[in-house]
PDB file of N, CA and C in Angstrom:
ATOM      1  N   MET A   1      -4.270   3.258 -38.166  1.00  0.00           N
ATOM      2  CA  MET A   1      -3.294   3.316 -37.117  1.00  0.00           C
ATOM      3  C   MET A   1      -3.920   4.022 -35.926  1.00  0.00           C
ATOM      4  N   ALA A   2      -3.828   3.404 -34.773  1.00  0.00           N
ATOM      5  CA  ALA A   2      -4.353   3.987 -33.543  1.00  0.00           C
ATOM      6  C   ALA A   2      -3.176   4.237 -32.609  1.00  0.00           C
ATOM      7  N   GLU A   3      -2.800   5.493 -32.489  1.00  0.00           N
ATOM      8  CA  GLU A   3      -1.627   5.889 -31.701  1.00  0.00           C
ATOM      9  C   GLU A   3      -1.884   7.270 -31.135  1.00  0.00           C
ATOM     10  N   ASP A   4      -1.718   7.424 -29.817  1.00  0.00           N
ATOM     11  CA  ASP A   4      -2.008   8.709 -29.190  1.00  0.00           C
ATOM     12  C   ASP A   4      -0.781   9.583 -28.969  1.00  0.00           C
ATOM     13  N   GLU A   5       0.390   9.130 -29.323  1.00  0.00           N
ATOM     14  CA  GLU A   5       1.599   9.946 -29.228  1.00  0.00           C
ATOM     15  C   GLU A   5       1.898  10.509 -30.612  1.00  0.00           C
ATOM     16  N   ALA A   6       1.787  11.812 -30.760  1.00  0.00           N
ATOM     17  CA  ALA A   6       1.886  12.455 -32.074  1.00  0.00           C
ATOM     18  C   ALA A   6       3.190  12.144 -32.801  1.00  0.00           C
ATOM     19  N   LEU A   7       4.320  12.216 -32.124  1.00  0.00           N
ATOM     20  CA  LEU A   7       5.599  11.956 -32.795  1.00  0.00           C
ATOM     21  C   LEU A   7       5.714  10.511 -33.253  1.00  0.00           C
ATOM     22  N   VAL A   8       5.240   9.588 -32.431  1.00  0.00           N
ATOM     23  CA  VAL A   8       5.263   8.175 -32.806  1.00  0.00           C
ATOM     24  C   VAL A   8       4.340   7.948 -34.002  1.00  0.00           C
ATOM     25  N   ALA A   9       3.170   8.567 -33.978  1.00  0.00           N
ATOM     26  CA  ALA A   9       2.219   8.416 -35.084  1.00  0.00           C
ATOM     27  C   ALA A   9       2.815   8.946 -36.389  1.00  0.00           C
ATOM     28  N   MET A  10       3.487  10.092 -36.329  1.00  0.00           N
ATOM     29  CA  MET A  10       4.095  10.648 -37.544  1.00  0.00           C
ATOM     30  C   MET A  10       5.195   9.741 -38.073  1.00  0.00           C
ATOM     31  N   MET A  11       6.023   9.190 -37.184  1.00  0.00           N
ATOM     32  CA  MET A  11       7.083   8.282 -37.596  1.00  0.00           C
ATOM     33  C   MET A  11       6.489   7.022 -38.234  1.00  0.00           C
ATOM     34  N   MET A  12       5.444   6.482 -37.613  1.00  0.00           N
ATOM     35  CA  MET A  12       4.803   5.286 -38.156  1.00  0.00           C
ATOM     36  C   MET A  12       4.231   5.567 -39.540  1.00  0.00           C
ATOM     37  N   GLU A  13       3.542   6.682 -39.668  1.00  0.00           N
ATOM     38  CA  GLU A  13       2.944   7.025 -40.950  1.00  0.00           C
ATOM     39  C   GLU A  13       4.018   7.174 -42.028  1.00  0.00           C
ATOM     40  N   ASP A  14       5.094   7.889 -41.725  1.00  0.00           N
ATOM     41  CA  ASP A  14       6.182   8.062 -42.696  1.00  0.00           C
ATOM     42  C   ASP A  14       6.762   6.713 -43.120  1.00  0.00           C
ATOM     43  N   CYS A  15       6.998   5.831 -42.170  1.00  0.00           N
ATOM     44  CA  CYS A  15       7.578   4.516 -42.462  1.00  0.00           C
ATOM     45  C   CYS A  15       6.672   3.699 -43.375  1.00  0.00           C
ATOM     46  N   ILE A  16       5.398   3.686 -43.053  1.00  0.00           N
ATOM     47  CA  ILE A  16       4.452   2.879 -43.823  1.00  0.00           C
ATOM     48  C   ILE A  16       4.301   3.430 -45.236  1.00  0.00           C
ATOM     49  N   VAL A  17       4.196   4.736 -45.361  1.00  0.00           N
ATOM     50  CA  VAL A  17       4.061   5.354 -46.679  1.00  0.00           C
ATOM     51  C   VAL A  17       5.325   5.127 -47.510  1.00  0.00           C
ATOM     52  N   GLU A  18       6.495   5.294 -46.900  1.00  0.00           N
ATOM     53  CA  GLU A  18       7.759   5.066 -47.620  1.00  0.00           C
ATOM     54  C   GLU A  18       7.882   3.616 -48.086  1.00  0.00           C
ATOM     55  N   ALA A  19       7.263   2.683 -47.361  1.00  0.00           N
ATOM     56  CA  ALA A  19       7.313   1.272 -47.740  1.00  0.00           C
ATOM     57  C   ALA A  19       6.238   0.919 -48.763  1.00  0.00           C
ATOM     58  N   GLY A  20       5.432   1.914 -49.167  1.00  0.00           N
ATOM     59  CA  GLY A  20       4.422   1.678 -50.185  1.00  0.00           C
ATOM     60  C   GLY A  20       3.026   1.432 -49.664  1.00  0.00           C
ATOM     61  N   GLY A  21       2.830   1.584 -48.362  1.00  0.00           N
ATOM     62  CA  GLY A  21       1.522   1.366 -47.780  1.00  0.00           C
ATOM     63  C   GLY A  21       0.701   2.638 -47.722  1.00  0.00           C
ATOM     64  N   MET A  22      -0.548   2.472 -47.354  1.00  0.00           N
ATOM     65  CA  MET A  22      -1.445   3.600 -47.183  1.00  0.00           C
ATOM     66  C   MET A  22      -1.916   3.593 -45.734  1.00  0.00           C
ATOM     67  N   VAL A  23      -1.980   4.753 -45.134  1.00  0.00           N
ATOM     68  CA  VAL A  23      -2.318   4.859 -43.719  1.00  0.00           C
ATOM     69  C   VAL A  23      -3.696   5.483 -43.551  1.00  0.00           C
ATOM     70  N   LEU A  24      -4.505   4.849 -42.725  1.00  0.00           N
ATOM     71  CA  LEU A  24      -5.772   5.426 -42.285  1.00  0.00           C
ATOM     72  C   LEU A  24      -5.532   5.903 -40.861  1.00  0.00           C
ATOM     73  N   GLY A  25      -5.806   7.131 -40.613  1.00  0.00           N
ATOM     74  CA  GLY A  25      -5.545   7.676 -39.287  1.00  0.00           C
ATOM     75  C   GLY A  25      -4.334   8.590 -39.350  1.00  0.00           C
ATOM     76  N   PRO A  26      -3.696   8.825 -38.289  1.00  0.00           N
ATOM     77  CA  PRO A  26      -3.875   8.168 -36.997  1.00  0.00           C
ATOM     78  C   PRO A  26      -5.104   8.674 -36.258  1.00  0.00           C
ATOM     79  N   VAL A  27      -5.564   7.844 -35.353  1.00  0.00           N
ATOM     80  CA  VAL A  27      -6.645   8.218 -34.453  1.00  0.00           C
ATOM     81  C   VAL A  27      -6.120   8.124 -33.027  1.00  0.00           C
ATOM     82  N   ILE A  28      -6.719   8.917 -32.149  1.00  0.00           N
ATOM     83  CA  ILE A  28      -6.199   8.968 -30.779  1.00  0.00           C
ATOM     84  C   ILE A  28      -7.198   8.496 -29.729  1.00  0.00           C
ATOM     85  N   SER A  29      -8.338   7.960 -30.185  1.00  0.00           N
ATOM     86  CA  SER A  29      -9.312   7.433 -29.231  1.00  0.00           C
ATOM     87  C   SER A  29      -9.957   6.183 -29.824  1.00  0.00           C
ATOM     88  N   VAL A  30     -10.457   5.340 -28.955  1.00  0.00           N
ATOM     89  CA  VAL A  30     -11.123   4.119 -29.411  1.00  0.00           C
ATOM     90  C   VAL A  30     -12.391   4.441 -30.213  1.00  0.00           C
ATOM     91  N   PRO A  31     -13.248   5.352 -29.769  1.00  0.00           N
ATOM     92  CA  PRO A  31     -14.422   5.666 -30.595  1.00  0.00           C
ATOM     93  C   PRO A  31     -14.045   6.171 -31.992  1.00  0.00           C
ATOM     94  N   ASP A  32     -13.027   7.017 -32.078  1.00  0.00           N
ATOM     95  CA  ASP A  32     -12.573   7.491 -33.399  1.00  0.00           C
ATOM     96  C   ASP A  32     -12.065   6.336 -34.242  1.00  0.00           C
ATOM     97  N   ALA A  33     -11.327   5.436 -33.621  1.00  0.00           N
ATOM     98  CA  ALA A  33     -10.790   4.280 -34.349  1.00  0.00           C
ATOM     99  C   ALA A  33     -11.908   3.380 -34.861  1.00  0.00           C
ATOM    100  N   LEU A  34     -12.931   3.173 -34.046  1.00  0.00           N
ATOM    101  CA  LEU A  34     -14.055   2.334 -34.465  1.00  0.00           C
ATOM    102  C   LEU A  34     -14.827   2.973 -35.613  1.00  0.00           C
ATOM    103  N   ARG A  35     -15.017   4.294 -35.560  1.00  0.00           N
ATOM    104  CA  ARG A  35     -15.688   4.990 -36.666  1.00  0.00           C
ATOM    105  C   ARG A  35     -14.863   4.888 -37.949  1.00  0.00           C
ATOM    106  N   LEU A  36     -13.546   5.074 -37.847  1.00  0.00           N
ATOM    107  CA  LEU A  36     -12.681   4.977 -39.014  1.00  0.00           C
ATOM    108  C   LEU A  36     -12.689   3.561 -39.578  1.00  0.00           C
ATOM    109  N   LEU A  37     -12.663   2.559 -38.710  1.00  0.00           N
ATOM    110  CA  LEU A  37     -12.705   1.171 -39.149  1.00  0.00           C
ATOM    111  C   LEU A  37     -14.003   0.880 -39.901  1.00  0.00           C
ATOM    112  N   ASP A  38     -15.119   1.311 -39.352  1.00  0.00           N
ATOM    113  CA  ASP A  38     -16.410   1.082 -40.030  1.00  0.00           C
ATOM    114  C   ASP A  38     -16.431   1.749 -41.402  1.00  0.00           C
ATOM    115  N   ALA A  39     -15.956   2.981 -41.481  1.00  0.00           N
ATOM    116  CA  ALA A  39     -15.930   3.690 -42.762  1.00  0.00           C
ATOM    117  C   ALA A  39     -15.011   2.999 -43.755  1.00  0.00           C
ATOM    118  N   ALA A  40     -13.848   2.567 -43.295  1.00  0.00           N
ATOM    119  CA  ALA A  40     -12.891   1.900 -44.183  1.00  0.00           C
ATOM    120  C   ALA A  40     -13.431   0.556 -44.667  1.00  0.00           C
ATOM    121  N   MET A  41     -14.107  -0.182 -43.802  1.00  0.00           N
ATOM    122  CA  MET A  41     -14.657  -1.476 -44.199  1.00  0.00           C
ATOM    123  C   MET A  41     -15.754  -1.278 -45.242  1.00  0.00           C
ATOM    124  N   ALA A  42     -16.522  -0.219 -45.120  1.00  0.00           N
ATOM    125  CA  ALA A  42     -17.571   0.070 -46.091  1.00  0.00           C
ATOM    126  C   ALA A  42     -16.993   0.537 -47.420  1.00  0.00           C
ATOM    127  N   ASP A  43     -15.738   0.995 -47.377  1.00  0.00           N
ATOM    128  CA  ASP A  43     -15.096   1.552 -48.568  1.00  0.00           C
ATOM    129  C   ASP A  43     -14.031   0.615 -49.146  1.00  0.00           C
ATOM    130  N   GLY A  44     -14.101  -0.661 -48.863  1.00  0.00           N
ATOM    131  CA  GLY A  44     -13.166  -1.594 -49.475  1.00  0.00           C
ATOM    132  C   GLY A  44     -12.316  -2.399 -48.519  1.00  0.00           C
ATOM    133  N   GLY A  45     -12.284  -2.031 -47.252  1.00  0.00           N
ATOM    134  CA  GLY A  45     -11.582  -2.852 -46.283  1.00  0.00           C
ATOM    135  C   GLY A  45     -10.266  -2.286 -45.803  1.00  0.00           C
ATOM    136  N   VAL A  46      -9.647  -3.055 -44.935  1.00  0.00           N
ATOM    137  CA  VAL A  46      -8.378  -2.707 -44.308  1.00  0.00           C
ATOM    138  C   VAL A  46      -7.507  -3.947 -44.361  1.00  0.00           C
ATOM    139  N   SER A  47      -6.247  -3.782 -44.769  1.00  0.00           N
ATOM    140  CA  SER A  47      -5.329  -4.929 -44.860  1.00  0.00           C
ATOM    141  C   SER A  47      -4.766  -5.329 -43.509  1.00  0.00           C
ATOM    142  N   ALA A  48      -4.438  -4.343 -42.682  1.00  0.00           N
ATOM    143  CA  ALA A  48      -3.827  -4.599 -41.378  1.00  0.00           C
ATOM    144  C   ALA A  48      -3.928  -3.339 -40.544  1.00  0.00           C
ATOM    145  N   ALA A  49      -3.709  -3.483 -39.245  1.00  0.00           N
ATOM    146  CA  ALA A  49      -3.769  -2.331 -38.345  1.00  0.00           C
ATOM    147  C   ALA A  49      -2.619  -2.403 -37.342  1.00  0.00           C
ATOM    148  N   VAL A  50      -2.196  -1.232 -36.916  1.00  0.00           N
ATOM    149  CA  VAL A  50      -1.224  -1.097 -35.834  1.00  0.00           C
ATOM    150  C   VAL A  50      -1.928  -0.286 -34.759  1.00  0.00           C
ATOM    151  N   ILE A  51      -2.049  -0.873 -33.575  1.00  0.00           N
ATOM    152  CA  ILE A  51      -2.760  -0.177 -32.506  1.00  0.00           C
ATOM    153  C   ILE A  51      -1.928  -0.176 -31.233  1.00  0.00           C
ATOM    154  N   ASN A  52      -2.022   0.924 -30.531  1.00  0.00           N
ATOM    155  CA  ASN A  52      -1.396   1.031 -29.230  1.00  0.00           C
ATOM    156  C   ASN A  52      -2.263   0.264 -28.242  1.00  0.00           C
ATOM    157  N   LEU A  53      -1.660  -0.298 -27.227  1.00  0.00           N
ATOM    158  CA  LEU A  53      -2.402  -1.052 -26.223  1.00  0.00           C
ATOM    159  C   LEU A  53      -3.361  -0.144 -25.451  1.00  0.00           C
ATOM    160  N   ARG A  54      -2.975   1.102 -25.302  1.00  0.00           N
ATOM    161  CA  ARG A  54      -3.807   2.082 -24.630  1.00  0.00           C
ATOM    162  C   ARG A  54      -3.808   3.362 -25.443  1.00  0.00           C
ATOM    163  N   LEU A  55      -4.970   3.971 -25.550  1.00  0.00           N
ATOM    164  CA  LEU A  55      -5.093   5.297 -26.164  1.00  0.00           C
ATOM    165  C   LEU A  55      -5.553   6.234 -25.053  1.00  0.00           C
ATOM    166  N   GLY A  56      -4.656   7.096 -24.643  1.00  0.00           N
ATOM    167  CA  GLY A  56      -4.948   7.906 -23.464  1.00  0.00           C
ATOM    168  C   GLY A  56      -5.059   6.977 -22.277  1.00  0.00           C
ATOM    169  N   ARG A  57      -6.192   7.038 -21.617  1.00  0.00           N
ATOM    170  CA  ARG A  57      -6.411   6.157 -20.458  1.00  0.00           C
ATOM    171  C   ARG A  57      -7.262   4.941 -20.802  1.00  0.00           C
ATOM    172  N   GLU A  58      -7.608   4.815 -22.078  1.00  0.00           N
ATOM    173  CA  GLU A  58      -8.527   3.750 -22.482  1.00  0.00           C
ATOM    174  C   GLU A  58      -7.791   2.555 -23.080  1.00  0.00           C
ATOM    175  N   ASN A  59      -8.145   1.376 -22.613  1.00  0.00           N
ATOM    176  CA  ASN A  59      -7.653   0.129 -23.176  1.00  0.00           C
ATOM    177  C   ASN A  59      -8.263  -0.049 -24.565  1.00  0.00           C
ATOM    178  N   THR A  60      -7.515  -0.587 -25.507  1.00  0.00           N
ATOM    179  CA  THR A  60      -8.007  -0.742 -26.877  1.00  0.00           C
ATOM    180  C   THR A  60      -8.621  -2.115 -27.138  1.00  0.00           C
ATOM    181  N   LEU A  61      -9.049  -2.802 -26.109  1.00  0.00           N
ATOM    182  CA  LEU A  61      -9.637  -4.127 -26.279  1.00  0.00           C
ATOM    183  C   LEU A  61     -10.862  -4.094 -27.201  1.00  0.00           C
ATOM    184  N   ARG A  62     -11.708  -3.082 -27.082  1.00  0.00           N
ATOM    185  CA  ARG A  62     -12.878  -2.990 -27.977  1.00  0.00           C
ATOM    186  C   ARG A  62     -12.449  -2.872 -29.436  1.00  0.00           C
ATOM    187  N   LEU A  63     -11.387  -2.127 -29.682  1.00  0.00           N
ATOM    188  CA  LEU A  63     -10.872  -1.994 -31.043  1.00  0.00           C
ATOM    189  C   LEU A  63     -10.300  -3.318 -31.523  1.00  0.00           C
ATOM    190  N   ALA A  64      -9.543  -3.993 -30.683  1.00  0.00           N
ATOM    191  CA  ALA A  64      -8.993  -5.301 -31.052  1.00  0.00           C
ATOM    192  C   ALA A  64     -10.117  -6.292 -31.351  1.00  0.00           C
ATOM    193  N   ASP A  65     -11.156  -6.272 -30.538  1.00  0.00           N
ATOM    194  CA  ASP A  65     -12.308  -7.144 -30.775  1.00  0.00           C
ATOM    195  C   ASP A  65     -12.948  -6.843 -32.133  1.00  0.00           C
ATOM    196  N   ALA A  66     -13.103  -5.556 -32.445  1.00  0.00           N
ATOM    197  CA  ALA A  66     -13.726  -5.155 -33.717  1.00  0.00           C
ATOM    198  C   ALA A  66     -12.858  -5.571 -34.898  1.00  0.00           C
ATOM    199  N   LEU A  67     -11.555  -5.415 -34.777  1.00  0.00           N
ATOM    200  CA  LEU A  67     -10.649  -5.833 -35.857  1.00  0.00           C
ATOM    201  C   LEU A  67     -10.736  -7.347 -36.050  1.00  0.00           C
ATOM    202  N   ALA A  68     -10.681  -8.087 -34.952  1.00  0.00           N
ATOM    203  CA  ALA A  68     -10.746  -9.550 -35.041  1.00  0.00           C
ATOM    204  C   ALA A  68     -12.075 -10.005 -35.650  1.00  0.00           C
ATOM    205  N   ALA A  69     -13.171  -9.362 -35.277  1.00  0.00           N
ATOM    206  CA  ALA A  69     -14.482  -9.730 -35.819  1.00  0.00           C
ATOM    207  C   ALA A  69     -14.547  -9.504 -37.325  1.00  0.00           C
ATOM    208  N   ARG A  70     -13.789  -8.534 -37.808  1.00  0.00           N
ATOM    209  CA  ARG A  70     -13.760  -8.231 -39.240  1.00  0.00           C
ATOM    210  C   ARG A  70     -12.596  -8.925 -39.953  1.00  0.00           C
ATOM    211  N   ARG A  71     -11.891  -9.757 -39.212  1.00  0.00           N
ATOM    212  CA  ARG A  71     -10.746 -10.518 -39.731  1.00  0.00           C
ATOM    213  C   ARG A  71      -9.643  -9.622 -40.281  1.00  0.00           C
ATOM    214  N   VAL A  72      -9.425  -8.508 -39.598  1.00  0.00           N
ATOM    215  CA  VAL A  72      -8.338  -7.595 -39.939  1.00  0.00           C
ATOM    216  C   VAL A  72      -7.179  -7.910 -38.995  1.00  0.00           C
ATOM    217  N   PRO A  73      -6.053  -8.379 -39.518  1.00  0.00           N
ATOM    218  CA  PRO A  73      -4.913  -8.663 -38.649  1.00  0.00           C
ATOM    219  C   PRO A  73      -4.349  -7.369 -38.074  1.00  0.00           C
ATOM    220  N   PHE A  74      -3.837  -7.454 -36.859  1.00  0.00           N
ATOM    221  CA  PHE A  74      -3.303  -6.252 -36.231  1.00  0.00           C
ATOM    222  C   PHE A  74      -2.098  -6.564 -35.366  1.00  0.00           C
ATOM    223  N   ILE A  75      -1.328  -5.518 -35.158  1.00  0.00           N
ATOM    224  CA  ILE A  75      -0.145  -5.552 -34.297  1.00  0.00           C
ATOM    225  C   ILE A  75      -0.397  -4.579 -33.162  1.00  0.00           C
ATOM    226  N   TYR A  76      -0.061  -5.002 -31.950  1.00  0.00           N
ATOM    227  CA  TYR A  76      -0.032  -4.075 -30.832  1.00  0.00           C
ATOM    228  C   TYR A  76       1.347  -3.424 -30.816  1.00  0.00           C
ATOM    229  N   ALA A  77       1.401  -2.103 -30.785  1.00  0.00           N
ATOM    230  CA  ALA A  77       2.646  -1.370 -30.602  1.00  0.00           C
ATOM    231  C   ALA A  77       2.534  -0.704 -29.239  1.00  0.00           C
ATOM    232  N   THR A  78       3.381  -1.109 -28.309  1.00  0.00           N
ATOM    233  CA  THR A  78       3.205  -0.636 -26.936  1.00  0.00           C
ATOM    234  C   THR A  78       4.529  -0.495 -26.203  1.00  0.00           C
ATOM    235  N   GLY A  79       4.531   0.397 -25.266  1.00  0.00           N
ATOM    236  CA  GLY A  79       5.680   0.568 -24.389  1.00  0.00           C
ATOM    237  C   GLY A  79       5.491  -0.143 -23.064  1.00  0.00           C
ATOM    238  N   TYR A  80       4.350  -0.788 -22.888  1.00  0.00           N
ATOM    239  CA  TYR A  80       4.099  -1.500 -21.640  1.00  0.00           C
ATOM    240  C   TYR A  80       4.881  -2.797 -21.606  1.00  0.00           C
ATOM    241  N   VAL A  81       5.497  -3.063 -20.477  1.00  0.00           N
ATOM    242  CA  VAL A  81       6.289  -4.286 -20.324  1.00  0.00           C
ATOM    243  C   VAL A  81       5.374  -5.499 -20.209  1.00  0.00           C
ATOM    244  N   SER A  82       4.295  -5.355 -19.466  1.00  0.00           N
ATOM    245  CA  SER A  82       3.351  -6.450 -19.275  1.00  0.00           C
ATOM    246  C   SER A  82       2.223  -6.318 -20.293  1.00  0.00           C
ATOM    247  N   HIS A  83       1.857  -7.426 -20.878  1.00  0.00           N
ATOM    248  CA  HIS A  83       0.811  -7.415 -21.899  1.00  0.00           C
ATOM    249  C   HIS A  83      -0.443  -8.144 -21.408  1.00  0.00           C
ATOM    250  N   HIS A  84      -0.703  -8.085 -20.097  1.00  0.00           N
ATOM    251  CA  HIS A  84      -1.855  -8.792 -19.543  1.00  0.00           C
ATOM    252  C   HIS A  84      -3.175  -8.243 -20.071  1.00  0.00           C
ATOM    253  N   ASP A  85      -3.162  -7.031 -20.595  1.00  0.00           N
ATOM    254  CA  ASP A  85      -4.390  -6.435 -21.116  1.00  0.00           C
ATOM    255  C   ASP A  85      -4.821  -7.017 -22.457  1.00  0.00           C
ATOM    256  N   LEU A  86      -4.024  -7.880 -23.055  1.00  0.00           N
ATOM    257  CA  LEU A  86      -4.358  -8.412 -24.369  1.00  0.00           C
ATOM    258  C   LEU A  86      -5.567  -9.336 -24.329  1.00  0.00           C
ATOM    259  N   GLU A  87      -5.857  -9.908 -23.182  1.00  0.00           N
ATOM    260  CA  GLU A  87      -6.994 -10.786 -22.961  1.00  0.00           C
ATOM    261  C   GLU A  87      -7.136 -11.835 -24.060  1.00  0.00           C
ATOM    262  N   LEU A  88      -8.151 -11.732 -24.898  1.00  0.00           N
ATOM    263  CA  LEU A  88      -8.414 -12.753 -25.907  1.00  0.00           C
ATOM    264  C   LEU A  88      -7.514 -12.637 -27.134  1.00  0.00           C
ATOM    265  N   HIS A  89      -6.646 -11.675 -27.161  1.00  0.00           N
ATOM    266  CA  HIS A  89      -5.824 -11.431 -28.349  1.00  0.00           C
ATOM    267  C   HIS A  89      -4.351 -11.717 -28.087  1.00  0.00           C
ATOM    268  N   GLN A  90      -4.097 -12.761 -27.326  1.00  0.00           N
ATOM    269  CA  GLN A  90      -2.719 -13.133 -27.000  1.00  0.00           C
ATOM    270  C   GLN A  90      -1.902 -13.483 -28.243  1.00  0.00           C
ATOM    271  N   GLU A  91      -2.577 -13.891 -29.323  1.00  0.00           N
ATOM    272  CA  GLU A  91      -1.872 -14.271 -30.548  1.00  0.00           C
ATOM    273  C   GLU A  91      -1.421 -13.066 -31.367  1.00  0.00           C
ATOM    274  N   ALA A  92      -1.921 -11.890 -31.049  1.00  0.00           N
ATOM    275  CA  ALA A  92      -1.542 -10.690 -31.804  1.00  0.00           C
ATOM    276  C   ALA A  92      -0.072 -10.369 -31.548  1.00  0.00           C
ATOM    277  N   PRO A  93       0.672 -10.110 -32.616  1.00  0.00           N
ATOM    278  CA  PRO A  93       2.082  -9.731 -32.430  1.00  0.00           C
ATOM    279  C   PRO A  93       2.185  -8.439 -31.624  1.00  0.00           C
ATOM    280  N   VAL A  94       3.244  -8.335 -30.826  1.00  0.00           N
ATOM    281  CA  VAL A  94       3.493  -7.149 -30.026  1.00  0.00           C
ATOM    282  C   VAL A  94       4.819  -6.545 -30.471  1.00  0.00           C
ATOM    283  N   LEU A  95       4.780  -5.298 -30.874  1.00  0.00           N
ATOM    284  CA  LEU A  95       5.972  -4.553 -31.260  1.00  0.00           C
ATOM    285  C   LEU A  95       6.289  -3.621 -30.106  1.00  0.00           C
ATOM    286  N   ALA A  96       7.390  -3.901 -29.407  1.00  0.00           N
ATOM    287  CA  ALA A  96       7.733  -3.145 -28.205  1.00  0.00           C
ATOM    288  C   ALA A  96       8.353  -1.799 -28.556  1.00  0.00           C
ATOM    289  N   LYS A  97       7.849  -0.761 -27.900  1.00  0.00           N
ATOM    290  CA  LYS A  97       8.428   0.575 -28.040  1.00  0.00           C
ATOM    291  C   LYS A  97       9.630   0.673 -27.119  1.00  0.00           C
ATOM    292  N   PRO A  98      10.657   1.344 -27.484  1.00  0.00           N
ATOM    293  CA  PRO A  98      10.833   2.019 -28.773  1.00  0.00           C
ATOM    294  C   PRO A  98      11.242   1.015 -29.849  1.00  0.00           C
ATOM    295  N   TYR A  99      10.769   1.233 -31.039  1.00  0.00           N
ATOM    296  CA  TYR A  99      11.136   0.399 -32.176  1.00  0.00           C
ATOM    297  C   TYR A  99      11.582   1.321 -33.297  1.00  0.00           C
ATOM    298  N   ASN A 100      12.227   0.750 -34.299  1.00  0.00           N
ATOM    299  CA  ASN A 100      12.663   1.572 -35.429  1.00  0.00           C
ATOM    300  C   ASN A 100      11.811   1.240 -36.655  1.00  0.00           C
ATOM    301  N   ALA A 101      12.046   1.987 -37.721  1.00  0.00           N
ATOM    302  CA  ALA A 101      11.256   1.829 -38.948  1.00  0.00           C
ATOM    303  C   ALA A 101      11.352   0.412 -39.491  1.00  0.00           C
ATOM    304  N   ALA A 102      12.545  -0.140 -39.488  1.00  0.00           N
ATOM    305  CA  ALA A 102      12.730  -1.489 -40.025  1.00  0.00           C
ATOM    306  C   ALA A 102      11.916  -2.512 -39.228  1.00  0.00           C
ATOM    307  N   ASP A 103      11.876  -2.355 -37.908  1.00  0.00           N
ATOM    308  CA  ASP A 103      11.089  -3.266 -37.062  1.00  0.00           C
ATOM    309  C   ASP A 103       9.603  -3.188 -37.405  1.00  0.00           C
ATOM    310  N   LEU A 104       9.104  -1.974 -37.589  1.00  0.00           N
ATOM    311  CA  LEU A 104       7.695  -1.778 -37.913  1.00  0.00           C
ATOM    312  C   LEU A 104       7.347  -2.407 -39.256  1.00  0.00           C
ATOM    313  N   ILE A 105       8.150  -2.136 -40.258  1.00  0.00           N
ATOM    314  CA  ILE A 105       7.871  -2.664 -41.601  1.00  0.00           C
ATOM    315  C   ILE A 105       8.000  -4.183 -41.610  1.00  0.00           C
ATOM    316  N   GLN A 106       8.992  -4.718 -40.907  1.00  0.00           N
ATOM    317  CA  GLN A 106       9.149  -6.180 -40.821  1.00  0.00           C
ATOM    318  C   GLN A 106       7.936  -6.811 -40.152  1.00  0.00           C
ATOM    319  N   ALA A 107       7.474  -6.214 -39.055  1.00  0.00           N
ATOM    320  CA  ALA A 107       6.326  -6.762 -38.334  1.00  0.00           C
ATOM    321  C   ALA A 107       5.064  -6.723 -39.200  1.00  0.00           C
ATOM    322  N   LEU A 108       4.858  -5.622 -39.912  1.00  0.00           N
ATOM    323  CA  LEU A 108       3.698  -5.540 -40.805  1.00  0.00           C
ATOM    324  C   LEU A 108       3.816  -6.536 -41.956  1.00  0.00           C
ATOM    325  N   GLY A 109       5.015  -6.663 -42.515  1.00  0.00           N
ATOM    326  CA  GLY A 109       5.225  -7.632 -43.594  1.00  0.00           C
ATOM    327  C   GLY A 109       4.943  -9.040 -43.129  1.00  0.00           C
ATOM    328  N   ASP A 110       5.449  -9.407 -41.962  1.00  0.00           N
ATOM    329  CA  ASP A 110       5.203 -10.737 -41.394  1.00  0.00           C
ATOM    330  C   ASP A 110       3.712 -10.972 -41.170  1.00  0.00           C
ATOM    331  N   LEU A 111       3.039  -9.941 -40.688  1.00  0.00           N
ATOM    332  CA  LEU A 111       1.602 -10.043 -40.426  1.00  0.00           C
ATOM    333  C   LEU A 111       0.839 -10.284 -41.728  1.00  0.00           C
ATOM    334  N   LEU A 112       1.170  -9.533 -42.765  1.00  0.00           N
ATOM    335  CA  LEU A 112       0.467  -9.660 -44.047  1.00  0.00           C
ATOM    336  C   LEU A 112       0.785 -10.969 -44.743  1.00  0.00           C
ATOM    337  N   VAL A 113       2.030 -11.429 -44.659  1.00  0.00           N
ATOM    338  CA  VAL A 113       2.387 -12.723 -45.256  1.00  0.00           C
ATOM    339  C   VAL A 113       1.645 -13.845 -44.544  1.00  0.00           C
ATOM    340  N   GLY A 114       1.492 -13.718 -43.241  1.00  0.00           N
ATOM    341  CA  GLY A 114       0.774 -14.726 -42.470  1.00  0.00           C
ATOM    342  C   GLY A 114      -0.699 -14.806 -42.815  1.00  0.00           C
ATOM    343  N   GLN A 115      -1.235 -13.747 -43.419  1.00  0.00           N
ATOM    344  CA  GLN A 115      -2.648 -13.710 -43.785  1.00  0.00           C
ATOM    345  C   GLN A 115      -2.897 -14.168 -45.218  1.00  0.00           C
ATOM    346  N   ALA A 116      -1.823 -14.340 -45.985  1.00  0.00           N
ATOM    347  CA  ALA A 116      -1.973 -14.703 -47.410  1.00  0.00           C
ATOM    348  C   ALA A 116      -2.450 -16.114 -47.590  1.00  0.00           C
TER     349      ALA A 116
END
């Protein structure tokens, strides 16, 4: 999970764990996210990712590219109204903030079912 807002990250982590998932992160920068992704891929892989469109002032396009290259499905969770920054990842689902736990779990479930 790549999320730079601490309260949002804690809520996301609680929701995912309560639904039976395991959370890697949260991370608050693209370099940290890329290091975590590399470590996780070397240790068995990642089923899915939830990433904010921006971490601090940095666009997460490099992270999205890395996830796509490793065939890890991901959801953008963002409060931005315009999603022009998605560039080559227009097909990635977007979960608009604010969202609730049910929305997050539904979006992740849909993402994972789509990959089966």
